Amino acid sequence: MADAPAEQATERSRAKADRRDALLAAAARLFAARGFNGVSIEDLGSAVGISGPAVYRHFSGKQSVLAALLVGVSEDLLAGGLAVVDAAANDPAALRALIRFHTDFALSNPEVIRVQDRDLESLADEDSHAVRTLQRRYVELWVGVLARLSPGEDTAVLRMRAHATFGLLNSTPHSSSRSLPRSTMHDELEKMAWALLG
């Protein structure tokens, strides 16, 4: 009986985290479809079955929703990239793992990619700086692998190749086709990225 309050608190925390995740998923969909400025707090609440004011239990405002979405995905990209490189047996395997990882990300998050492309400038300066810093570190992770595979190559050229690869893989909001299975899209994107970098 003594554990009941603790269990209830855990359930409440879990429910709050689930609602927050649902709000972020709804924000990605709505911001991608209408743009940041075309979505209200009431729209966000309605998308997950709560009132607009109830959104403030999870976020201080619409801009903090956008920040959580874009900073969070940038943190996830960097952490995931570091993990796949650490787990790889050698640098060619690390490059293949990075390509696979980013392809998975791009196919799973076309709405977030669209929001990043269109609404990054709507972030507060501090949040924009955080996103750009995280993304620079992610780019440099790729550049480090490419530099070990191509000793002596100009770092600026390697950075350009990494950015070109992101451009290819992040084209999924525009290139994904309902007529192609996800597995086919994944294979084709991986092959093109490897041809660009391999």
Protein backbone atom coordinates (compact mmCIF):
# COMPACT_ATOMS: atom_id res chain seq x y z
CA MET A 1 0.00 0.00 0.00
CA ALA A 2 2.93 2.33 0.76
CA ASP A 3 4.09 2.06 -2.85
CA ALA A 4 0.78 3.28 -4.32
CA PRO A 5 1.64 7.03 -4.29
CA ALA A 6 5.00 6.32 -5.92
CA GLU A 7 3.33 4.18 -8.60
CA GLN A 8 0.74 6.88 -9.23
CA ALA A 9 3.48 9.50 -9.54
CA THR A 10 5.33 7.26 -12.00
CA GLU A 11 2.17 6.77 -14.05
CA ARG A 12 1.52 10.52 -14.06
CA SER A 13 5.11 11.18 -15.17
CA ARG A 14 4.80 8.60 -17.92
CA ALA A 15 1.46 10.03 -19.07
CA LYS A 16 2.94 13.54 -19.11
CA ALA A 17 5.95 12.36 -21.14
CA ASP A 18 3.64 10.54 -23.58
CA ARG A 19 1.50 13.67 -24.01
CA ARG A 20 4.62 15.76 -24.61
CA ASP A 21 5.81 13.29 -27.25
CA ALA A 22 2.36 13.35 -28.87
CA LEU A 23 2.45 17.16 -28.98
CA LEU A 24 5.88 17.10 -30.66
CA ALA A 25 4.68 14.57 -33.26
CA ALA A 26 1.59 16.70 -33.92
CA ALA A 27 3.75 19.82 -34.17
CA ALA A 28 5.97 18.16 -36.78
CA ARG A 29 2.92 17.24 -38.86
CA LEU A 30 1.19 20.61 -38.54
CA PHE A 31 4.31 22.79 -38.95
CA ALA A 32 5.31 20.73 -42.02
CA ALA A 33 1.86 21.15 -43.56
CA ARG A 34 1.14 24.80 -42.68
CA GLY A 35 4.39 26.36 -41.52
CA PHE A 36 5.19 27.51 -37.99
CA ASN A 37 3.25 30.75 -38.37
CA GLY A 38 0.19 28.93 -39.71
CA VAL A 39 -0.32 26.83 -36.57
CA SER A 40 -1.79 28.05 -33.27
CA ILE A 41 -1.47 26.68 -29.75
CA GLU A 42 -5.15 25.72 -30.06
CA ASP A 43 -4.33 23.71 -33.22
CA LEU A 44 -1.59 21.84 -31.35
CA GLY A 45 -3.84 21.04 -28.42
CA SER A 46 -6.71 19.96 -30.63
CA ALA A 47 -4.41 17.60 -32.56
CA VAL A 48 -3.82 15.56 -29.39
CA GLY A 49 -7.25 15.96 -27.82
CA ILE A 50 -6.55 18.70 -25.27
CA SER A 51 -7.36 22.39 -25.04
CA GLY A 52 -4.93 25.04 -26.23
CA PRO A 53 -4.22 26.29 -22.69
CA ALA A 54 -3.41 22.71 -21.60
CA VAL A 55 -0.42 22.78 -23.97
CA TYR A 56 1.21 25.21 -21.51
CA ARG A 57 1.51 22.38 -18.99
CA HIS A 58 4.14 20.92 -21.32
CA PHE A 59 5.64 23.91 -23.15
CA SER A 60 5.93 27.61 -22.38
CA GLY A 61 4.66 28.51 -25.84
CA LYS A 62 4.66 27.62 -29.51
CA GLN A 63 8.28 28.68 -29.98
CA SER A 64 9.37 26.30 -27.21
CA VAL A 65 7.57 23.49 -29.06
CA LEU A 66 9.57 24.29 -32.19
CA ALA A 67 12.78 24.45 -30.13
CA ALA A 68 12.09 21.08 -28.48
CA LEU A 69 11.43 19.56 -31.90
CA LEU A 70 14.52 20.88 -33.69
CA VAL A 71 17.00 20.81 -30.79
CA GLY A 72 15.78 17.32 -29.87
CA VAL A 73 16.22 15.91 -33.35
CA SER A 74 19.68 17.49 -33.62
CA GLU A 75 20.69 15.90 -30.32
CA ASP A 76 19.35 12.54 -31.51
CA LEU A 77 21.27 12.78 -34.80
CA LEU A 78 24.55 13.54 -33.06
CA ALA A 79 24.09 10.85 -30.39
CA GLY A 80 23.08 8.26 -32.99
CA GLY A 81 25.96 9.16 -35.29
CA LEU A 82 28.48 8.89 -32.46
CA ALA A 83 27.05 5.52 -31.45
CA VAL A 84 27.26 3.99 -34.94
CA VAL A 85 30.82 5.22 -35.46
CA ASP A 86 31.89 3.89 -32.04
CA ALA A 87 30.34 0.49 -32.85
CA ALA A 88 31.94 0.17 -36.30
CA ALA A 89 34.88 -2.18 -36.78
CA ASN A 90 36.72 0.18 -39.14
CA ASP A 91 36.28 3.41 -41.09
CA PRO A 92 34.62 1.90 -44.21
CA ALA A 93 32.13 0.19 -41.89
CA ALA A 94 31.65 3.48 -40.02
CA LEU A 95 30.83 5.31 -43.25
CA ARG A 96 28.34 2.63 -44.31
CA ALA A 97 26.77 2.75 -40.84
CA LEU A 98 26.48 6.55 -40.97
CA ILE A 99 24.82 6.37 -44.40
CA ARG A 100 22.40 3.70 -43.16
CA PHE A 101 21.68 5.65 -39.97
CA HIS A 102 20.98 8.92 -41.76
CA THR A 103 18.88 7.20 -44.42
CA ASP A 104 16.74 5.67 -41.66
CA PHE A 105 16.42 9.09 -40.06
CA ALA A 106 15.45 10.82 -43.29
CA LEU A 107 12.82 8.24 -44.23
CA SER A 108 11.36 8.30 -40.71
CA ASN A 109 11.29 12.09 -40.31
CA PRO A 110 10.37 13.84 -43.56
CA GLU A 111 8.08 16.25 -41.69
CA VAL A 112 10.85 17.30 -39.28
CA ILE A 113 13.19 17.84 -42.23
CA ARG A 114 10.60 20.08 -43.88
CA VAL A 115 10.15 22.06 -40.63
CA GLN A 116 13.93 22.45 -40.26
CA ASP A 117 14.25 23.69 -43.85
CA ARG A 118 11.44 26.20 -43.57
CA ASP A 119 11.17 27.28 -39.94
CA LEU A 120 14.69 27.23 -38.44
CA GLU A 121 14.72 31.04 -38.60
CA SER A 122 11.63 31.13 -36.34
CA LEU A 123 13.68 29.82 -33.41
CA ALA A 124 14.94 32.14 -30.69
CA ASP A 125 18.63 33.00 -31.14
CA GLU A 126 19.75 30.74 -28.30
CA ASP A 127 17.86 27.74 -29.68
CA SER A 128 19.02 28.43 -33.23
CA HIS A 129 22.62 28.52 -31.95
CA ALA A 130 22.10 25.18 -30.16
CA VAL A 131 20.72 23.54 -33.32
CA ARG A 132 23.53 24.86 -35.50
CA THR A 133 26.20 23.80 -32.98
CA LEU A 134 24.81 20.26 -32.73
CA GLN A 135 24.52 19.99 -36.49
CA ARG A 136 28.08 21.24 -37.04
CA ARG A 137 29.32 18.55 -34.67
CA TYR A 138 27.33 15.96 -36.64
CA VAL A 139 28.84 17.16 -39.92
CA GLU A 140 32.34 17.04 -38.43
CA LEU A 141 31.73 13.45 -37.29
CA TRP A 142 31.20 12.52 -40.95
CA VAL A 143 34.17 14.64 -42.04
CA GLY A 144 36.40 12.84 -39.54
CA VAL A 145 35.49 9.45 -40.99
CA LEU A 146 35.92 10.72 -44.56
CA ALA A 147 39.30 12.24 -43.69
CA ARG A 148 40.58 8.94 -42.35
CA LEU A 149 39.41 7.22 -45.53
CA SER A 150 41.00 9.89 -47.78
CA PRO A 151 44.17 11.11 -46.05
CA GLY A 152 45.47 14.31 -47.57
CA GLU A 153 42.12 15.32 -49.08
CA ASP A 154 41.13 18.94 -48.50
CA THR A 155 38.84 19.12 -45.44
CA ALA A 156 36.65 21.71 -47.17
CA VAL A 157 36.06 19.25 -50.02
CA LEU A 158 35.16 16.49 -47.56
CA ARG A 159 32.75 18.83 -45.76
CA MET A 160 31.14 19.70 -49.09
CA ARG A 161 30.71 15.98 -49.86
CA ALA A 162 29.08 15.42 -46.47
CA HIS A 163 26.66 18.32 -47.05
CA ALA A 164 25.87 17.03 -50.54
CA THR A 165 25.07 13.62 -49.04
CA PHE A 166 22.73 15.22 -46.49
CA GLY A 167 21.06 17.10 -49.34
CA LEU A 168 20.47 13.82 -51.15
CA LEU A 169 19.23 11.89 -48.12
CA ASN A 170 17.19 14.80 -46.73
CA SER A 171 15.32 15.10 -50.02
CA THR A 172 12.77 12.58 -48.67
CA PRO A 173 10.00 15.17 -48.13
CA HIS A 174 10.14 15.70 -51.90
CA SER A 175 11.45 12.38 -53.25
CA SER A 176 9.48 9.83 -51.23
CA SER A 177 6.91 8.14 -53.40
CA ARG A 178 3.85 6.24 -52.24
CA SER A 179 4.36 3.98 -55.25
CA LEU A 180 7.74 2.76 -53.95
CA PRO A 181 8.09 0.58 -50.86
CA ARG A 182 10.15 2.10 -48.06
CA SER A 183 12.71 -0.69 -48.42
CA THR A 184 13.27 0.26 -52.08
CA MET A 185 13.64 3.94 -51.20
CA HIS A 186 16.09 3.01 -48.45
CA ASP A 187 18.21 0.82 -50.74
CA GLU A 188 18.28 3.39 -53.54
CA LEU A 189 19.23 6.27 -51.23
CA GLU A 190 21.98 4.20 -49.60
CA LYS A 191 23.40 3.21 -52.99
CA MET A 192 23.41 6.83 -54.22
CA ALA A 193 25.03 8.08 -51.01
CA TRP A 194 27.70 5.39 -51.15
CA ALA A 195 28.39 6.24 -54.83
CA LEU A 196 28.81 9.88 -53.82
CA LEU A 197 31.18 9.13 -50.93
CA GLY A 198 32.56 5.62 -51.39
